[in-house]
C-alpha atoms as a PDB file:
ATOM      1  CA  MET A   1      69.438  46.773  79.902  1.00  0.00           C
ATOM      2  CA  SER A   2      65.307  47.715  80.606  1.00  0.00           C
ATOM      3  CA  GLU A   3      66.069  51.952  80.607  1.00  0.00           C
ATOM      4  CA  LYS A   4      67.671  51.681  77.128  1.00  0.00           C
ATOM      5  CA  LEU A   5      63.980  49.599  75.546  1.00  0.00           C
ATOM      6  CA  ALA A   6      62.257  52.072  77.262  1.00  0.00           C
ATOM      7  CA  ILE A   7      62.153  54.510  74.434  1.00  0.00           C
ATOM      8  CA  PRO A   8      59.664  57.604  74.348  1.00  0.00           C
ATOM      9  CA  PHE A   9      56.872  56.761  71.585  1.00  0.00           C
ATOM     10  CA  GLY A  10      57.779  60.946  70.931  1.00  0.00           C
ATOM     11  CA  ALA A  11      61.391  60.707  70.435  1.00  0.00           C
ATOM     12  CA  MET A  12      60.577  57.887  66.907  1.00  0.00           C
ATOM     13  CA  PRO A  13      58.510  60.966  64.712  1.00  0.00           C
ATOM     14  CA  TRP A  14      58.549  58.681  62.105  1.00  0.00           C
ATOM     15  CA  LEU A  15      56.585  55.996  63.603  1.00  0.00           C
ATOM     16  CA  GLU A  16      54.017  58.379  64.955  1.00  0.00           C
ATOM     17  CA  ALA A  17      54.002  59.455  61.231  1.00  0.00           C
ATOM     18  CA  MET A  18      53.737  55.724  60.315  1.00  0.00           C
ATOM     19  CA  ALA A  19      51.118  54.584  63.263  1.00  0.00           C
ATOM     20  CA  ILE A  20      48.413  58.127  62.086  1.00  0.00           C
ATOM     21  CA  ASN A  21      49.209  57.874  58.160  1.00  0.00           C
ATOM     22  CA  LEU A  22      48.457  53.991  58.710  1.00  0.00           C
ATOM     23  CA  VAL A  23      44.687  54.920  60.849  1.00  0.00           C
ATOM     24  CA  LEU A  24      43.968  57.273  58.340  1.00  0.00           C
ATOM     25  CA  ALA A  25      44.753  54.836  55.414  1.00  0.00           C
ATOM     26  CA  VAL A  26      42.365  52.168  57.164  1.00  0.00           C
ATOM     27  CA  LEU A  27      39.537  54.994  58.322  1.00  0.00           C
ATOM     28  CA  ILE A  28      39.670  56.044  54.115  1.00  0.00           C
ATOM     29  CA  LEU A  29      39.596  52.548  52.749  1.00  0.00           C
ATOM     30  CA  ILE A  30      36.639  51.503  55.129  1.00  0.00           C
ATOM     31  CA  VAL A  31      34.775  54.756  54.922  1.00  0.00           C
ATOM     32  CA  GLY A  32      35.368  54.715  50.910  1.00  0.00           C
ATOM     33  CA  TRP A  33      34.276  50.918  50.472  1.00  0.00           C
ATOM     34  CA  TRP A  34      31.591  51.637  52.577  1.00  0.00           C
ATOM     35  CA  LEU A  35      30.736  54.503  50.347  1.00  0.00           C
ATOM     36  CA  SER A  36      31.402  52.854  46.831  1.00  0.00           C
ATOM     37  CA  ASN A  37      28.867  49.930  47.751  1.00  0.00           C
ATOM     38  CA  LEU A  38      26.385  52.732  48.960  1.00  0.00           C
ATOM     39  CA  ALA A  39      26.655  54.337  45.808  1.00  0.00           C
ATOM     40  CA  GLY A  40      26.258  51.359  44.206  1.00  0.00           C
ATOM     41  CA  SER A  41      22.849  50.160  46.099  1.00  0.00           C
ATOM     42  CA  TRP A  42      21.572  53.541  44.880  1.00  0.00           C
ATOM     43  CA  VAL A  43      22.502  53.803  41.103  1.00  0.00           C
ATOM     44  CA  ARG A  44      20.541  49.747  40.811  1.00  0.00           C
ATOM     45  CA  LYS A  45      17.775  51.547  42.547  1.00  0.00           C
ATOM     46  CA  MET A  46      17.397  54.890  40.222  1.00  0.00           C
ATOM     47  CA  ALA A  47      18.083  52.529  37.387  1.00  0.00           C
ATOM     48  CA  GLN A  48      15.423  49.988  38.132  1.00  0.00           C
ATOM     49  CA  ARG A  49      13.223  52.817  39.091  1.00  0.00           C
ATOM     50  CA  SER A  50      13.253  54.279  35.084  1.00  0.00           C
ATOM     51  CA  PRO A  51      11.817  52.942  32.401  1.00  0.00           C
ATOM     52  CA  HIS A  52      13.633  53.740  30.193  1.00  0.00           C
ATOM     53  CA  ILE A  53      16.787  51.424  31.448  1.00  0.00           C
ATOM     54  CA  ASP A  54      16.978  47.966  30.067  1.00  0.00           C
ATOM     55  CA  VAL A  55      17.214  45.525  33.434  1.00  0.00           C
ATOM     56  CA  THR A  56      20.218  44.340  31.275  1.00  0.00           C
ATOM     57  CA  ILE A  57      22.563  47.564  32.387  1.00  0.00           C
ATOM     58  CA  VAL A  58      21.849  47.565  35.722  1.00  0.00           C
ATOM     59  CA  PRO A  59      25.012  45.769  36.923  1.00  0.00           C
ATOM     60  CA  ILE A  60      27.181  46.983  34.694  1.00  0.00           C
ATOM     61  CA  ALA A  61      26.586  50.400  35.978  1.00  0.00           C
ATOM     62  CA  GLN A  62      27.299  49.218  39.550  1.00  0.00           C
ATOM     63  CA  SER A  63      29.862  47.830  39.261  1.00  0.00           C
ATOM     64  CA  VAL A  64      30.686  50.759  37.073  1.00  0.00           C
ATOM     65  CA  VAL A  65      30.480  53.248  39.684  1.00  0.00           C
ATOM     66  CA  VAL A  66      31.360  51.108  42.287  1.00  0.00           C
ATOM     67  CA  TRP A  67      34.967  50.034  41.010  1.00  0.00           C
ATOM     68  CA  ALA A  68      35.612  53.915  39.887  1.00  0.00           C
ATOM     69  CA  ILE A  69      34.746  54.999  43.689  1.00  0.00           C
ATOM     70  CA  ARG A  70      37.073  51.966  44.987  1.00  0.00           C
ATOM     71  CA  ILE A  71      40.246  52.891  42.557  1.00  0.00           C
ATOM     72  CA  PHE A  72      40.389  56.896  44.250  1.00  0.00           C
ATOM     73  CA  VAL A  73      40.225  55.491  47.001  1.00  0.00           C
ATOM     74  CA  LEU A  74      43.245  53.255  46.671  1.00  0.00           C
ATOM     75  CA  ILE A  75      45.160  55.788  45.070  1.00  0.00           C
ATOM     76  CA  ALA A  76      44.312  57.995  48.356  1.00  0.00           C
ATOM     77  CA  VAL A  77      46.003  54.990  50.871  1.00  0.00           C
ATOM     78  CA  LEU A  78      48.458  54.734  48.513  1.00  0.00           C
ATOM     79  CA  ALA A  79      49.170  58.571  48.717  1.00  0.00           C
ATOM     80  CA  ARG A  80      49.048  59.002  52.419  1.00  0.00           C
ATOM     81  CA  PHE A  81      52.318  56.629  52.758  1.00  0.00           C
ATOM     82  CA  GLY A  82      53.782  58.575  50.342  1.00  0.00           C
ATOM     83  CA  VAL A  83      53.371  57.158  46.989  1.00  0.00           C
ATOM     84  CA  GLN A  84      53.345  58.772  43.591  1.00  0.00           C
ATOM     85  CA  THR A  85      50.021  58.683  42.501  1.00  0.00           C
ATOM     86  CA  ALA A  86      50.706  60.847  40.019  1.00  0.00           C
ATOM     87  CA  SER A  87      52.839  58.425  38.196  1.00  0.00           C
ATOM     88  CA  ILE A  88      50.636  55.378  39.280  1.00  0.00           C
ATOM     89  CA  ILE A  89      47.534  57.510  36.980  1.00  0.00           C
ATOM     90  CA  ALA A  90      50.128  57.982  34.288  1.00  0.00           C
ATOM     91  CA  VAL A  91      50.831  54.209  34.516  1.00  0.00           C
ATOM     92  CA  LEU A  92      47.227  53.575  34.127  1.00  0.00           C
ATOM     93  CA  GLY A  93      46.799  56.294  31.467  1.00  0.00           C
ATOM     94  CA  ALA A  94      49.560  54.150  29.748  1.00  0.00           C
ATOM     95  CA  ALA A  95      48.174  51.298  29.821  1.00  0.00           C
ATOM     96  CA  GLY A  96      44.129  51.766  28.832  1.00  0.00           C
ATOM     97  CA  LEU A  97      45.403  53.711  26.005  1.00  0.00           C
ATOM     98  CA  ALA A  98      47.424  50.386  25.048  1.00  0.00           C
ATOM     99  CA  ILE A  99      44.622  47.787  26.081  1.00  0.00           C
ATOM    100  CA  GLY A 100      42.158  50.606  23.778  1.00  0.00           C
ATOM    101  CA  LEU A 101      43.583  50.194  21.196  1.00  0.00           C
ATOM    102  CA  ALA A 102      44.486  46.579  21.276  1.00  0.00           C
ATOM    103  CA  LEU A 103      41.163  45.933  21.192  1.00  0.00           C
ATOM    104  CA  GLN A 104      39.524  48.415  19.655  1.00  0.00           C
ATOM    105  CA  SER A 105      36.511  46.304  17.284  1.00  0.00           C
ATOM    106  CA  THR A 106      36.401  44.682  20.825  1.00  0.00           C
ATOM    107  CA  LEU A 107      35.713  48.284  22.509  1.00  0.00           C
ATOM    108  CA  GLN A 108      32.935  49.988  19.857  1.00  0.00           C
ATOM    109  CA  ASN A 109      31.405  46.840  20.456  1.00  0.00           C
ATOM    110  CA  ILE A 110      30.951  47.244  24.093  1.00  0.00           C
ATOM    111  CA  ALA A 111      30.504  51.206  23.706  1.00  0.00           C
ATOM    112  CA  SER A 112      27.244  50.480  21.285  1.00  0.00           C
ATOM    113  CA  GLY A 113      25.881  47.638  23.183  1.00  0.00           C
ATOM    114  CA  ILE A 114      26.205  50.320  25.818  1.00  0.00           C
ATOM    115  CA  MET A 115      24.150  53.011  23.970  1.00  0.00           C
ATOM    116  CA  LEU A 116      21.485  50.073  22.836  1.00  0.00           C
ATOM    117  CA  LEU A 117      21.054  48.832  25.946  1.00  0.00           C
ATOM    118  CA  VAL A 118      20.592  52.942  27.206  1.00  0.00           C
ATOM    119  CA  LEU A 119      18.134  54.325  24.500  1.00  0.00           C
ATOM    120  CA  ARG A 120      16.866  50.972  23.533  1.00  0.00           C
ATOM    121  CA  PRO A 121      16.101  51.077  19.738  1.00  0.00           C
ATOM    122  CA  ILE A 122      15.460  47.802  19.842  1.00  0.00           C
ATOM    123  CA  ARG A 123      13.826  45.718  22.852  1.00  0.00           C
ATOM    124  CA  ALA A 124      13.730  42.116  23.244  1.00  0.00           C
ATOM    125  CA  GLY A 125      10.829  40.724  21.699  1.00  0.00           C
ATOM    126  CA  GLU A 126      10.656  43.298  18.750  1.00  0.00           C
ATOM    127  CA  PHE A 127      10.704  42.853  15.181  1.00  0.00           C
ATOM    128  CA  VAL A 128      13.288  44.388  13.782  1.00  0.00           C
ATOM    129  CA  SER A 129      15.024  45.305  10.388  1.00  0.00           C
ATOM    130  CA  ILE A 130      18.661  46.731  10.451  1.00  0.00           C
ATOM    131  CA  VAL A 131      19.049  47.937   7.214  1.00  0.00           C
ATOM    132  CA  GLY A 132      21.300  45.750   5.149  1.00  0.00           C
ATOM    133  CA  LYS A 133      22.484  42.880   7.623  1.00  0.00           C
ATOM    134  CA  GLY A 134      19.410  41.185   8.953  1.00  0.00           C
ATOM    135  CA  ASP A 135      15.885  41.238  10.638  1.00  0.00           C
ATOM    136  CA  GLY A 136      13.653  38.937  12.709  1.00  0.00           C
ATOM    137  CA  THR A 137      12.849  39.040  16.376  1.00  0.00           C
ATOM    138  CA  VAL A 138      15.266  40.059  19.040  1.00  0.00           C
ATOM    139  CA  TYR A 139      15.893  37.380  20.861  1.00  0.00           C
ATOM    140  CA  GLU A 140      18.424  39.257  23.338  1.00  0.00           C
ATOM    141  CA  VAL A 141      20.649  42.941  23.559  1.00  0.00           C
ATOM    142  CA  GLY A 142      24.169  41.308  24.915  1.00  0.00           C
ATOM    143  CA  LEU A 143      27.331  43.893  25.213  1.00  0.00           C
ATOM    144  CA  PHE A 144      29.036  42.818  22.897  1.00  0.00           C
ATOM    145  CA  MET A 145      25.970  41.296  20.497  1.00  0.00           C
ATOM    146  CA  THR A 146      22.430  41.133  19.344  1.00  0.00           C
ATOM    147  CA  LYS A 147      20.393  37.695  19.033  1.00  0.00           C
ATOM    148  CA  PHE A 148      18.220  37.342  16.655  1.00  0.00           C
ATOM    149  CA  VAL A 149      15.213  34.485  15.415  1.00  0.00           C
ATOM    150  CA  GLN A 150      14.046  35.221  11.517  1.00  0.00           C
ATOM    151  CA  VAL A 151      10.910  34.575  10.751  1.00  0.00           C
ATOM    152  CA  ASP A 152      11.719  30.895   9.519  1.00  0.00           C
ATOM    153  CA  GLY A 153      13.523  30.022  13.084  1.00  0.00           C
ATOM    154  CA  VAL A 154      17.327  30.469  12.448  1.00  0.00           C
ATOM    155  CA  ASN A 155      19.219  32.451  14.941  1.00  0.00           C
ATOM    156  CA  PHE A 156      21.574  34.616  14.041  1.00  0.00           C
ATOM    157  CA  CYS A 157      24.117  36.920  15.928  1.00  0.00           C
ATOM    158  CA  LEU A 158      25.139  40.913  15.501  1.00  0.00           C
ATOM    159  CA  PRO A 159      28.269  43.137  16.476  1.00  0.00           C
ATOM    160  CA  ASN A 160      26.694  45.661  18.220  1.00  0.00           C
ATOM    161  CA  ASN A 161      28.526  47.917  16.149  1.00  0.00           C
ATOM    162  CA  LEU A 162      26.582  46.714  13.434  1.00  0.00           C
ATOM    163  CA  ILE A 163      23.910  47.559  14.743  1.00  0.00           C
ATOM    164  CA  TRP A 164      24.356  50.313  15.860  1.00  0.00           C
ATOM    165  CA  GLY A 165      25.936  51.648  12.699  1.00  0.00           C
ATOM    166  CA  ASN A 166      22.963  51.498  10.294  1.00  0.00           C
ATOM    167  CA  PRO A 167      19.421  52.038  10.177  1.00  0.00           C
ATOM    168  CA  ILE A 168      16.425  50.446  12.522  1.00  0.00           C
ATOM    169  CA  ILE A 169      14.037  50.032  11.786  1.00  0.00           C
ATOM    170  CA  ASN A 170      11.528  48.640  14.564  1.00  0.00           C
ATOM    171  CA  TYR A 171       7.855  47.006  13.831  1.00  0.00           C
ATOM    172  CA  SER A 172       7.022  46.638  16.918  1.00  0.00           C
ATOM    173  CA  ARG A 173       7.238  49.655  18.758  1.00  0.00           C
ATOM    174  CA  ASN A 174       4.146  51.690  17.615  1.00  0.00           C
ATOM    175  CA  SER A 175       0.852  50.137  19.164  1.00  0.00           C
ATOM    176  CA  THR A 176      -0.510  49.662  15.803  1.00  0.00           C
ATOM    177  CA  ARG A 177       0.403  49.290  12.047  1.00  0.00           C
ATOM    178  CA  ARG A 178      -0.998  50.243   8.559  1.00  0.00           C
ATOM    179  CA  MET A 179      -1.445  47.834   5.476  1.00  0.00           C
ATOM    180  CA  ASP A 180      -1.468  47.842   1.571  1.00  0.00           C
ATOM    181  CA  ILE A 181      -3.284  45.631  -0.239  1.00  0.00           C
ATOM    182  CA  GLY A 182      -3.322  45.773  -3.779  1.00  0.00           C
ATOM    183  CA  VAL A 183      -6.550  44.028  -5.590  1.00  0.00           C
ATOM    184  CA  GLY A 184      -7.251  43.940  -8.905  1.00  0.00           C
ATOM    185  CA  VAL A 185     -10.122  45.294 -11.110  1.00  0.00           C
ATOM    186  CA  ARG A 186     -10.686  44.519 -14.916  1.00  0.00           C
ATOM    187  CA  TYR A 187     -11.119  46.940 -17.398  1.00  0.00           C
ATOM    188  CA  GLY A 188     -15.416  46.881 -18.185  1.00  0.00           C
ATOM    189  CA  ASP A 189     -16.195  45.912 -14.301  1.00  0.00           C
ATOM    190  CA  ASP A 190     -18.394  47.847 -11.993  1.00  0.00           C
ATOM    191  CA  LEU A 191     -15.588  50.457 -10.405  1.00  0.00           C
ATOM    192  CA  ASP A 192     -18.034  51.322  -8.418  1.00  0.00           C
ATOM    193  CA  ARG A 193     -19.391  48.365  -7.338  1.00  0.00           C
ATOM    194  CA  ALA A 194     -16.190  46.824  -6.195  1.00  0.00           C
ATOM    195  CA  LEU A 195     -15.277  50.038  -4.198  1.00  0.00           C
ATOM    196  CA  ASN A 196     -17.680  50.019  -2.258  1.00  0.00           C
ATOM    197  CA  VAL A 197     -18.209  45.939  -1.610  1.00  0.00           C
ATOM    198  CA  LEU A 198     -14.418  46.170  -0.714  1.00  0.00           C
ATOM    199  CA  GLN A 199     -15.126  49.152   1.831  1.00  0.00           C
ATOM    200  CA  GLU A 200     -17.783  47.039   3.522  1.00  0.00           C
ATOM    201  CA  LEU A 201     -15.429  43.931   3.589  1.00  0.00           C
ATOM    202  CA  LEU A 202     -13.135  46.578   5.409  1.00  0.00           C
ATOM    203  CA  ASP A 203     -15.550  48.556   7.969  1.00  0.00           C
ATOM    204  CA  ASN A 204     -17.324  44.915   8.809  1.00  0.00           C
ATOM    205  CA  HIS A 205     -13.527  43.576   9.636  1.00  0.00           C
ATOM    206  CA  ALA A 206     -13.526  42.777  13.090  1.00  0.00           C
ATOM    207  CA  LYS A 207      -9.943  43.448  13.798  1.00  0.00           C
ATOM    208  CA  VAL A 208      -9.666  46.676  11.500  1.00  0.00           C
ATOM    209  CA  LEU A 209      -9.448  49.622  13.581  1.00  0.00           C
ATOM    210  CA  LYS A 210     -12.018  52.000  13.012  1.00  0.00           C
ATOM    211  CA  ASP A 211      -9.827  55.213  13.439  1.00  0.00           C
ATOM    212  CA  PRO A 212      -8.049  55.757  11.126  1.00  0.00           C
ATOM    213  CA  ALA A 213     -10.828  55.514   9.310  1.00  0.00           C
ATOM    214  CA  PRO A 214     -10.278  52.185   6.824  1.00  0.00           C
ATOM    215  CA  MET A 215     -10.687  53.409   2.851  1.00  0.00           C
ATOM    216  CA  VAL A 216     -10.548  51.752  -0.704  1.00  0.00           C
ATOM    217  CA  PHE A 217      -9.255  53.852  -3.236  1.00  0.00           C
ATOM    218  CA  VAL A 218      -7.847  53.319  -7.285  1.00  0.00           C
ATOM    219  CA  SER A 219      -4.374  53.868  -6.968  1.00  0.00           C
ATOM    220  CA  ASP A 220      -3.240  52.874 -10.407  1.00  0.00           C
ATOM    221  CA  TYR A 221      -3.580  51.624 -13.937  1.00  0.00           C
ATOM    222  CA  LYS A 222      -1.824  48.414 -15.599  1.00  0.00           C
ATOM    223  CA  ASP A 223      -2.624  47.124 -18.924  1.00  0.00           C
ATOM    224  CA  SER A 224      -5.446  45.262 -18.175  1.00  0.00           C
ATOM    225  CA  THR A 225      -5.819  46.020 -14.987  1.00  0.00           C
ATOM    226  CA  VAL A 226      -7.617  48.712 -12.428  1.00  0.00           C
ATOM    227  CA  VAL A 227      -5.668  48.713  -9.137  1.00  0.00           C
ATOM    228  CA  LEU A 228      -7.733  48.923  -6.169  1.00  0.00           C
ATOM    229  CA  ASN A 229      -5.671  49.716  -2.901  1.00  0.00           C
ATOM    230  CA  LEU A 230      -7.203  48.886   0.678  1.00  0.00           C
ATOM    231  CA  ARG A 231      -5.690  49.952   3.510  1.00  0.00           C
ATOM    232  CA  ALA A 232      -5.768  49.723   7.056  1.00  0.00           C
ATOM    233  CA  TRP A 233      -5.051  49.860  10.699  1.00  0.00           C
ATOM    234  CA  THR A 234      -4.861  46.870  12.967  1.00  0.00           C
ATOM    235  CA  ALA A 235      -3.409  45.660  16.206  1.00  0.00           C
ATOM    236  CA  VAL A 236       0.351  45.224  15.531  1.00  0.00           C
ATOM    237  CA  GLU A 237      -0.036  41.721  16.455  1.00  0.00           C
ATOM    238  CA  ASP A 238      -2.869  41.677  14.351  1.00  0.00           C
ATOM    239  CA  PHE A 239      -1.240  42.365  11.743  1.00  0.00           C
ATOM    240  CA  TRP A 240      -0.431  39.027   9.832  1.00  0.00           C
ATOM    241  CA  ASP A 241      -2.814  37.773   9.800  1.00  0.00           C
ATOM    242  CA  VAL A 242      -5.111  39.849   9.014  1.00  0.00           C
ATOM    243  CA  ARG A 243      -3.049  41.068   6.306  1.00  0.00           C
ATOM    244  CA  PHE A 244      -3.380  37.231   4.885  1.00  0.00           C
ATOM    245  CA  GLU A 245      -6.967  37.314   5.533  1.00  0.00           C
ATOM    246  CA  LEU A 246      -7.722  40.307   3.885  1.00  0.00           C
ATOM    247  CA  ASN A 247      -5.885  38.945   1.418  1.00  0.00           C
ATOM    248  CA  ARG A 248      -8.002  36.115   0.675  1.00  0.00           C
ATOM    249  CA  LEU A 249     -10.849  37.570   0.998  1.00  0.00           C
ATOM    250  CA  ALA A 250     -10.625  40.731  -0.796  1.00  0.00           C
ATOM    251  CA  LEU A 251     -10.619  38.003  -3.901  1.00  0.00           C
ATOM    252  CA  GLN A 252     -13.994  35.878  -2.913  1.00  0.00           C
ATOM    253  CA  THR A 253     -15.856  39.801  -1.841  1.00  0.00           C
ATOM    254  CA  LEU A 254     -15.230  40.416  -5.737  1.00  0.00           C
ATOM    255  CA  SER A 255     -15.893  37.391  -7.180  1.00  0.00           C
ATOM    256  CA  GLU A 256     -19.434  37.479  -5.658  1.00  0.00           C
ATOM    257  CA  ALA A 257     -19.920  40.825  -6.623  1.00  0.00           C
ATOM    258  CA  GLY A 258     -19.712  39.182  -9.727  1.00  0.00           C
ATOM    259  CA  MET A 259     -16.221  40.351 -10.957  1.00  0.00           C
ATOM    260  CA  ASN A 260     -13.683  37.652 -12.164  1.00  0.00           C
ATOM    261  CA  HIS A 261     -10.057  37.984 -11.973  1.00  0.00           C
ATOM    262  CA  PRO A 262      -8.346  39.825 -14.450  1.00  0.00           C
ATOM    263  CA  VAL A 263      -5.886  38.272 -16.248  1.00  0.00           C
ATOM    264  CA  PRO A 264      -2.891  40.224 -19.279  1.00  0.00           C
ATOM    265  CA  VAL A 265      -5.399  40.560 -22.068  1.00  0.00           C
ATOM    266  CA  ARG A 266      -2.805  41.378 -25.451  1.00  0.00           C
ATOM    267  CA  ALA A 267      -3.908  42.545 -28.900  1.00  0.00           C
ATOM    268  CA  VAL A 268      -2.411  41.027 -31.353  1.00  0.00           C
ATOM    269  CA  LEU A 269      -2.942  43.377 -35.174  1.00  0.00           C
ATOM    270  CA  LYS A 270      -2.310  41.738 -38.632  1.00  0.00           C
ATOM    271  CA  GLU A 271      -0.589  44.063 -40.649  1.00  0.00           C
ATOM    272  CA  GLU A 272      -2.410  43.075 -44.361  1.00  0.00           C
ATOM    273  CA  GLN A 273       0.402  42.965 -47.205  1.00  0.00           C
ATOM    274  CA  ALA A 274      -0.109  44.868 -49.992  1.00  0.00           C
ATOM    275  CA  ALA A 275      -1.447  43.675 -53.381  1.00  0.00           C
END
């Protein structure tokens, strides 16, 4: 009885082939998993070294690379056992297409979020304006939406596709910013003196940059006012403080120079009736 059970291993080629495929499948699985982790760690290190990649997208990029490799590893393992991988890929493609159509708007937000995180037209802490949608300080750039804080402290959120699909004005990206302040002077006042005292005001202000040099010039003529323009450059973090202060000091400087604030004047002519 025992002799009948002692069947040589080579007499069953299908068992031998299955054992070989099993061993190879395990090796492919182990090596593939190790390579996926290695590639994910490499992507994380390279992304963290780059100053142009937002830290928010690093784990997302790592997960995409890791699971893309693992999916191919699983397909290779199934192929060792004779499974038709072409049909699996076709099913996965059809399922992906169906999911993509059902979640079209959501996927648009994800794609836009990835573009915002990679190209970084806006960053947390920057004051921006999304033309036609709103403006405020960027609080957080997420994968689906971005959070903002308005100047009055109100929070609002915008889907990423609305941000990516509209013009973005970033007021905080550059280190310096220019301001133009209009000041009115009455007709008949000493225009040259007004230009000189306002130029001196800009030249002596501690937070007005010397390069580009500040300047004062006549920009317009109104009905009862000559408009002088104060043009100055400041550090972006000092912009609003300097603007508010110059608005106050310009009027005081003109008053100290003996000039009064212009008021609208209209001449009324009375037509005499014929005798």
